[in-house]
Amino acid sequence: METLTHYVVHISALSNFDKLETTEGPDNKTYFLPDVKVLPDANSTTVENLTPFTMYEIYVTSHNIHGQSLPSVKVRTLTNSLGKNLTPGQSAPILPDIKECCNKKGIYHNR
C-alpha cells in the first residue's frame, strides 16, 4: 500500500544570495510565499506570480500518513522577465562572479 499523500514545494524570496526576504501581511506579521501542494502522481508543477528579477530558494518535502520527510536539497534560481512583464527601463541585475573568489585562491572546478 502506497502511503505518500502529497509533496509540498517551499518557496522563499531572497534579497541577495544569502538573506531570506519576507513580506508583511495586513496584520503586521511576517510571511513567506505560500507553499505549493502537489499531488503524489504529479512529477512537476508550475509556480505562478513570482516577481521578475528576484532570487528564490526552493525545496520540496514529501508527506505521508506518518508525517513529513526531510527537506530536499535547496535550489536557488533567479526569475527572468523578457516578455509582457518587463517594465520599461528595467533590466536584469548584475550578478556577482561567484567563481572569482575561489579562482583567486587556486580552487577550480572543471564543469
N, C-alpha and C. Protein backbone atom coordinates (compact mmCIF):
# COMPACT_ATOMS: atom_id res chain seq x y z
N MET A 1 0.83 -1.18 0.00
CA MET A 1 0.00 0.00 0.00
C MET A 1 0.88 1.25 0.00
N GLU A 2 0.62 2.16 -0.91
CA GLU A 2 1.36 3.41 -1.01
C GLU A 2 0.88 4.39 0.05
N THR A 3 1.81 4.96 0.81
CA THR A 3 1.42 5.86 1.89
C THR A 3 1.64 7.33 1.54
N LEU A 4 2.27 7.63 0.41
CA LEU A 4 2.54 9.01 0.02
C LEU A 4 1.22 9.74 -0.22
N THR A 5 1.04 10.89 0.43
CA THR A 5 -0.20 11.66 0.26
C THR A 5 0.00 12.88 -0.63
N HIS A 6 1.16 13.55 -0.51
CA HIS A 6 1.43 14.73 -1.35
C HIS A 6 2.87 15.21 -1.12
N TYR A 7 3.26 16.14 -2.00
CA TYR A 7 4.53 16.86 -1.86
C TYR A 7 4.20 18.31 -1.55
N VAL A 8 5.14 19.02 -0.93
CA VAL A 8 4.98 20.45 -0.73
C VAL A 8 6.24 21.14 -1.25
N VAL A 9 6.03 22.13 -2.13
CA VAL A 9 7.12 22.94 -2.66
C VAL A 9 7.17 24.21 -1.81
N HIS A 10 8.31 24.43 -1.16
CA HIS A 10 8.51 25.59 -0.28
C HIS A 10 9.32 26.63 -1.04
N ILE A 11 8.84 27.87 -1.07
CA ILE A 11 9.49 28.93 -1.85
C ILE A 11 9.72 30.15 -0.97
N SER A 12 10.94 30.67 -1.00
CA SER A 12 11.27 31.88 -0.24
C SER A 12 12.00 32.84 -1.17
N ALA A 13 11.63 34.12 -1.13
CA ALA A 13 12.33 35.14 -1.89
C ALA A 13 13.61 35.53 -1.15
N LEU A 14 14.67 35.79 -1.89
CA LEU A 14 15.94 36.20 -1.31
C LEU A 14 16.25 37.63 -1.75
N SER A 15 16.65 38.47 -0.82
CA SER A 15 17.01 39.84 -1.20
C SER A 15 18.44 39.88 -1.76
N ASN A 16 19.22 38.84 -1.47
CA ASN A 16 20.54 38.66 -2.08
C ASN A 16 20.84 37.17 -2.02
N PHE A 17 22.06 36.76 -2.27
CA PHE A 17 22.36 35.34 -2.33
C PHE A 17 22.25 34.64 -0.99
N ASP A 18 22.27 35.38 0.11
CA ASP A 18 22.30 34.75 1.42
C ASP A 18 21.11 35.06 2.32
N LYS A 19 20.43 36.17 2.11
CA LYS A 19 19.41 36.63 3.05
C LYS A 19 18.00 36.29 2.58
N LEU A 20 17.20 35.67 3.46
CA LEU A 20 15.80 35.42 3.17
C LEU A 20 15.02 36.72 3.30
N GLU A 21 14.17 36.98 2.33
CA GLU A 21 13.33 38.17 2.37
C GLU A 21 11.90 37.73 2.62
N THR A 22 11.23 38.38 3.52
CA THR A 22 9.85 38.05 3.80
C THR A 22 8.98 39.27 3.55
N THR A 23 7.70 39.06 3.50
CA THR A 23 6.77 40.16 3.29
C THR A 23 5.85 40.26 4.49
N GLU A 24 5.39 41.47 4.79
CA GLU A 24 4.48 41.66 5.91
C GLU A 24 3.05 41.64 5.41
N GLY A 25 2.20 40.94 6.13
CA GLY A 25 0.79 40.87 5.79
C GLY A 25 0.03 42.00 6.46
N PRO A 26 -1.28 42.05 6.25
CA PRO A 26 -2.09 43.13 6.81
C PRO A 26 -2.11 43.16 8.34
N ASP A 27 -1.78 42.04 8.98
CA ASP A 27 -1.78 42.00 10.45
C ASP A 27 -0.38 42.25 11.02
N ASN A 28 0.53 42.79 10.17
CA ASN A 28 1.91 43.11 10.55
C ASN A 28 2.74 41.90 10.95
N LYS A 29 2.31 40.70 10.59
CA LYS A 29 3.11 39.50 10.81
C LYS A 29 3.92 39.24 9.54
N THR A 30 5.02 38.52 9.67
CA THR A 30 5.88 38.23 8.53
C THR A 30 5.48 36.91 7.89
N TYR A 31 5.46 36.88 6.55
CA TYR A 31 5.05 35.69 5.81
C TYR A 31 6.06 35.37 4.71
N PHE A 32 6.27 34.07 4.50
CA PHE A 32 6.99 33.61 3.33
C PHE A 32 5.97 33.39 2.24
N LEU A 33 6.41 33.12 1.03
CA LEU A 33 5.47 32.82 -0.04
C LEU A 33 4.67 31.58 0.31
N PRO A 34 3.43 31.48 -0.15
CA PRO A 34 2.63 30.29 0.18
C PRO A 34 3.27 29.02 -0.38
N ASP A 35 3.19 27.95 0.40
CA ASP A 35 3.68 26.65 -0.07
C ASP A 35 2.75 26.14 -1.17
N VAL A 36 3.30 25.33 -2.05
CA VAL A 36 2.52 24.76 -3.15
C VAL A 36 2.37 23.26 -2.91
N LYS A 37 1.14 22.81 -2.79
CA LYS A 37 0.86 21.38 -2.56
C LYS A 37 0.74 20.69 -3.92
N VAL A 38 1.43 19.55 -4.06
CA VAL A 38 1.45 18.80 -5.32
C VAL A 38 1.00 17.37 -5.04
N LEU A 39 0.09 16.88 -5.84
CA LEU A 39 -0.41 15.51 -5.66
C LEU A 39 0.68 14.49 -5.95
N PRO A 40 0.60 13.30 -5.34
CA PRO A 40 1.69 12.32 -5.44
C PRO A 40 1.93 11.77 -6.85
N ASP A 41 0.93 11.80 -7.72
CA ASP A 41 1.12 11.26 -9.07
C ASP A 41 1.68 12.29 -10.04
N ALA A 42 1.84 13.54 -9.62
CA ALA A 42 2.41 14.58 -10.48
C ALA A 42 3.94 14.55 -10.38
N ASN A 43 4.60 14.75 -11.51
CA ASN A 43 6.06 14.79 -11.48
C ASN A 43 6.61 16.19 -11.74
N SER A 44 5.71 17.18 -11.78
CA SER A 44 6.13 18.57 -11.93
C SER A 44 4.98 19.49 -11.52
N THR A 45 5.30 20.75 -11.34
CA THR A 45 4.29 21.77 -11.06
C THR A 45 4.81 23.10 -11.57
N THR A 46 3.93 24.05 -11.74
CA THR A 46 4.29 25.40 -12.16
C THR A 46 3.92 26.36 -11.06
N VAL A 47 4.83 27.24 -10.72
CA VAL A 47 4.59 28.24 -9.69
C VAL A 47 4.33 29.57 -10.40
N GLU A 48 3.19 30.16 -10.12
CA GLU A 48 2.77 31.40 -10.78
C GLU A 48 3.07 32.62 -9.92
N ASN A 49 3.03 33.79 -10.55
CA ASN A 49 3.08 35.11 -9.89
C ASN A 49 4.36 35.36 -9.09
N LEU A 50 5.50 34.90 -9.61
CA LEU A 50 6.77 35.24 -8.99
C LEU A 50 7.20 36.62 -9.48
N THR A 51 7.97 37.31 -8.68
CA THR A 51 8.44 38.65 -9.04
C THR A 51 9.60 38.56 -10.02
N PRO A 52 9.58 39.36 -11.12
CA PRO A 52 10.69 39.34 -12.07
C PRO A 52 12.01 39.76 -11.42
N PHE A 53 13.10 39.21 -11.91
CA PHE A 53 14.45 39.53 -11.46
C PHE A 53 14.60 39.40 -9.95
N THR A 54 14.08 38.31 -9.41
CA THR A 54 14.15 38.03 -7.98
C THR A 54 14.76 36.65 -7.76
N MET A 55 15.64 36.56 -6.77
CA MET A 55 16.26 35.29 -6.41
C MET A 55 15.32 34.54 -5.48
N TYR A 56 15.06 33.27 -5.78
CA TYR A 56 14.21 32.43 -4.95
C TYR A 56 14.97 31.19 -4.50
N GLU A 57 14.65 30.73 -3.30
CA GLU A 57 15.17 29.46 -2.79
C GLU A 57 14.00 28.50 -2.71
N ILE A 58 14.18 27.30 -3.28
CA ILE A 58 13.08 26.34 -3.39
C ILE A 58 13.56 24.99 -2.88
N TYR A 59 12.69 24.32 -2.11
CA TYR A 59 12.95 22.94 -1.73
C TYR A 59 11.63 22.22 -1.59
N VAL A 60 11.69 20.89 -1.55
CA VAL A 60 10.49 20.06 -1.54
C VAL A 60 10.52 19.12 -0.34
N THR A 61 9.35 18.88 0.24
CA THR A 61 9.20 17.83 1.24
C THR A 61 8.08 16.91 0.77
N SER A 62 8.19 15.65 1.12
CA SER A 62 7.11 14.71 0.82
C SER A 62 6.37 14.42 2.12
N HIS A 63 5.10 14.07 1.99
CA HIS A 63 4.26 13.83 3.15
C HIS A 63 3.54 12.50 2.97
N ASN A 64 3.39 11.77 4.08
CA ASN A 64 2.62 10.54 4.04
C ASN A 64 1.83 10.43 5.34
N ILE A 65 1.23 9.29 5.56
CA ILE A 65 0.38 9.12 6.73
C ILE A 65 1.16 9.20 8.04
N HIS A 66 2.49 9.09 7.96
CA HIS A 66 3.34 9.13 9.15
C HIS A 66 3.93 10.51 9.43
N GLY A 67 3.86 11.42 8.47
CA GLY A 67 4.41 12.76 8.68
C GLY A 67 5.14 13.29 7.46
N GLN A 68 6.13 14.13 7.71
CA GLN A 68 6.86 14.86 6.68
C GLN A 68 8.28 14.33 6.55
N SER A 69 8.81 14.32 5.33
CA SER A 69 10.19 13.89 5.09
C SER A 69 11.16 15.01 5.44
N LEU A 70 12.43 14.68 5.42
CA LEU A 70 13.46 15.70 5.49
C LEU A 70 13.38 16.53 4.21
N PRO A 71 13.82 17.78 4.23
CA PRO A 71 13.75 18.60 3.01
C PRO A 71 14.74 18.12 1.96
N SER A 72 14.38 18.37 0.70
CA SER A 72 15.29 18.08 -0.41
C SER A 72 16.44 19.08 -0.38
N VAL A 73 17.37 18.93 -1.28
CA VAL A 73 18.43 19.91 -1.45
C VAL A 73 17.77 21.23 -1.86
N LYS A 74 18.22 22.34 -1.29
CA LYS A 74 17.66 23.64 -1.65
C LYS A 74 18.29 24.13 -2.95
N VAL A 75 17.44 24.67 -3.81
CA VAL A 75 17.87 25.19 -5.10
C VAL A 75 17.59 26.68 -5.12
N ARG A 76 18.54 27.45 -5.64
CA ARG A 76 18.33 28.89 -5.79
C ARG A 76 18.28 29.22 -7.27
N THR A 77 17.33 30.08 -7.63
CA THR A 77 17.16 30.45 -9.02
C THR A 77 16.74 31.91 -9.12
N LEU A 78 17.06 32.53 -10.22
CA LEU A 78 16.70 33.92 -10.49
C LEU A 78 15.62 33.94 -11.55
N THR A 79 14.50 34.59 -11.24
CA THR A 79 13.44 34.70 -12.25
C THR A 79 13.86 35.70 -13.31
N ASN A 80 13.30 35.54 -14.47
CA ASN A 80 13.62 36.38 -15.62
C ASN A 80 12.33 36.94 -16.16
N SER A 81 12.38 38.05 -16.81
CA SER A 81 11.20 38.62 -17.43
C SER A 81 11.61 39.26 -18.74
N LEU A 82 11.43 38.53 -19.81
CA LEU A 82 11.80 39.05 -21.13
C LEU A 82 10.58 39.34 -21.99
N GLY A 83 9.39 39.30 -21.42
CA GLY A 83 8.20 39.49 -22.22
C GLY A 83 7.28 40.54 -21.66
N LYS A 84 6.04 40.16 -21.50
CA LYS A 84 4.98 41.10 -21.15
C LYS A 84 5.15 41.77 -19.79
N ASN A 85 5.91 41.18 -18.87
CA ASN A 85 6.04 41.75 -17.53
C ASN A 85 7.19 42.75 -17.40
N LEU A 86 7.96 42.92 -18.45
CA LEU A 86 9.13 43.80 -18.38
C LEU A 86 8.68 45.26 -18.31
N THR A 87 9.08 45.94 -17.28
CA THR A 87 8.78 47.36 -17.11
C THR A 87 9.74 48.16 -17.96
N PRO A 88 9.28 49.19 -18.68
CA PRO A 88 10.19 50.00 -19.48
C PRO A 88 11.36 50.52 -18.64
N GLY A 89 12.55 50.38 -19.15
CA GLY A 89 13.75 50.81 -18.45
C GLY A 89 14.29 49.80 -17.45
N GLN A 90 13.57 48.69 -17.22
CA GLN A 90 14.02 47.68 -16.26
C GLN A 90 14.97 46.72 -16.96
N SER A 91 16.04 46.36 -16.28
CA SER A 91 16.97 45.39 -16.84
C SER A 91 17.35 44.40 -15.75
N ALA A 92 17.93 43.30 -16.16
CA ALA A 92 18.33 42.27 -15.21
C ALA A 92 19.44 42.80 -14.31
N PRO A 93 19.44 42.44 -13.03
CA PRO A 93 20.51 42.89 -12.14
C PRO A 93 21.83 42.23 -12.51
N ILE A 94 22.91 42.91 -12.20
CA ILE A 94 24.24 42.34 -12.45
C ILE A 94 24.53 41.35 -11.32
N LEU A 95 24.81 40.12 -11.70
CA LEU A 95 25.08 39.08 -10.71
C LEU A 95 26.57 39.03 -10.40
N PRO A 96 26.94 38.71 -9.17
CA PRO A 96 28.36 38.64 -8.82
C PRO A 96 29.02 37.43 -9.47
N ASP A 97 30.32 37.54 -9.68
CA ASP A 97 31.10 36.42 -10.20
C ASP A 97 31.41 35.50 -9.03
N ILE A 98 30.64 34.43 -8.90
CA ILE A 98 30.79 33.57 -7.73
C ILE A 98 32.01 32.66 -7.80
N LYS A 99 32.64 32.57 -8.95
CA LYS A 99 33.83 31.73 -9.08
C LYS A 99 35.13 32.50 -8.83
N GLU A 100 35.07 33.82 -8.94
CA GLU A 100 36.27 34.64 -8.85
C GLU A 100 37.03 34.44 -7.54
N CYS A 101 36.32 34.42 -6.43
CA CYS A 101 36.96 34.27 -5.12
C CYS A 101 37.73 32.94 -5.05
N CYS A 102 37.08 31.87 -5.50
CA CYS A 102 37.73 30.55 -5.46
C CYS A 102 38.94 30.50 -6.39
N ASN A 103 38.77 31.04 -7.59
CA ASN A 103 39.86 31.02 -8.56
C ASN A 103 41.08 31.79 -8.04
N LYS A 104 40.83 32.91 -7.35
CA LYS A 104 41.95 33.69 -6.79
C LYS A 104 42.71 32.90 -5.73
N LYS A 105 42.04 31.95 -5.09
CA LYS A 105 42.67 31.12 -4.06
C LYS A 105 43.16 29.79 -4.61
N GLY A 106 43.12 29.65 -5.96
CA GLY A 106 43.64 28.44 -6.58
C GLY A 106 42.69 27.26 -6.56
N ILE A 107 41.43 27.50 -6.34
CA ILE A 107 40.44 26.43 -6.31
C ILE A 107 39.63 26.49 -7.60
N TYR A 108 39.63 25.38 -8.35
CA TYR A 108 38.95 25.34 -9.65
C TYR A 108 38.02 24.14 -9.72
N HIS A 109 36.98 24.27 -10.52
CA HIS A 109 36.06 23.18 -10.75
C HIS A 109 35.85 23.05 -12.25
N ASN A 110 36.20 21.92 -12.82
CA ASN A 110 36.14 21.73 -14.27
C ASN A 110 34.80 21.15 -14.68
N ARG A 111 33.81 21.97 -14.82
CA ARG A 111 32.50 21.53 -15.32
C ARG A 111 32.11 22.32 -16.50
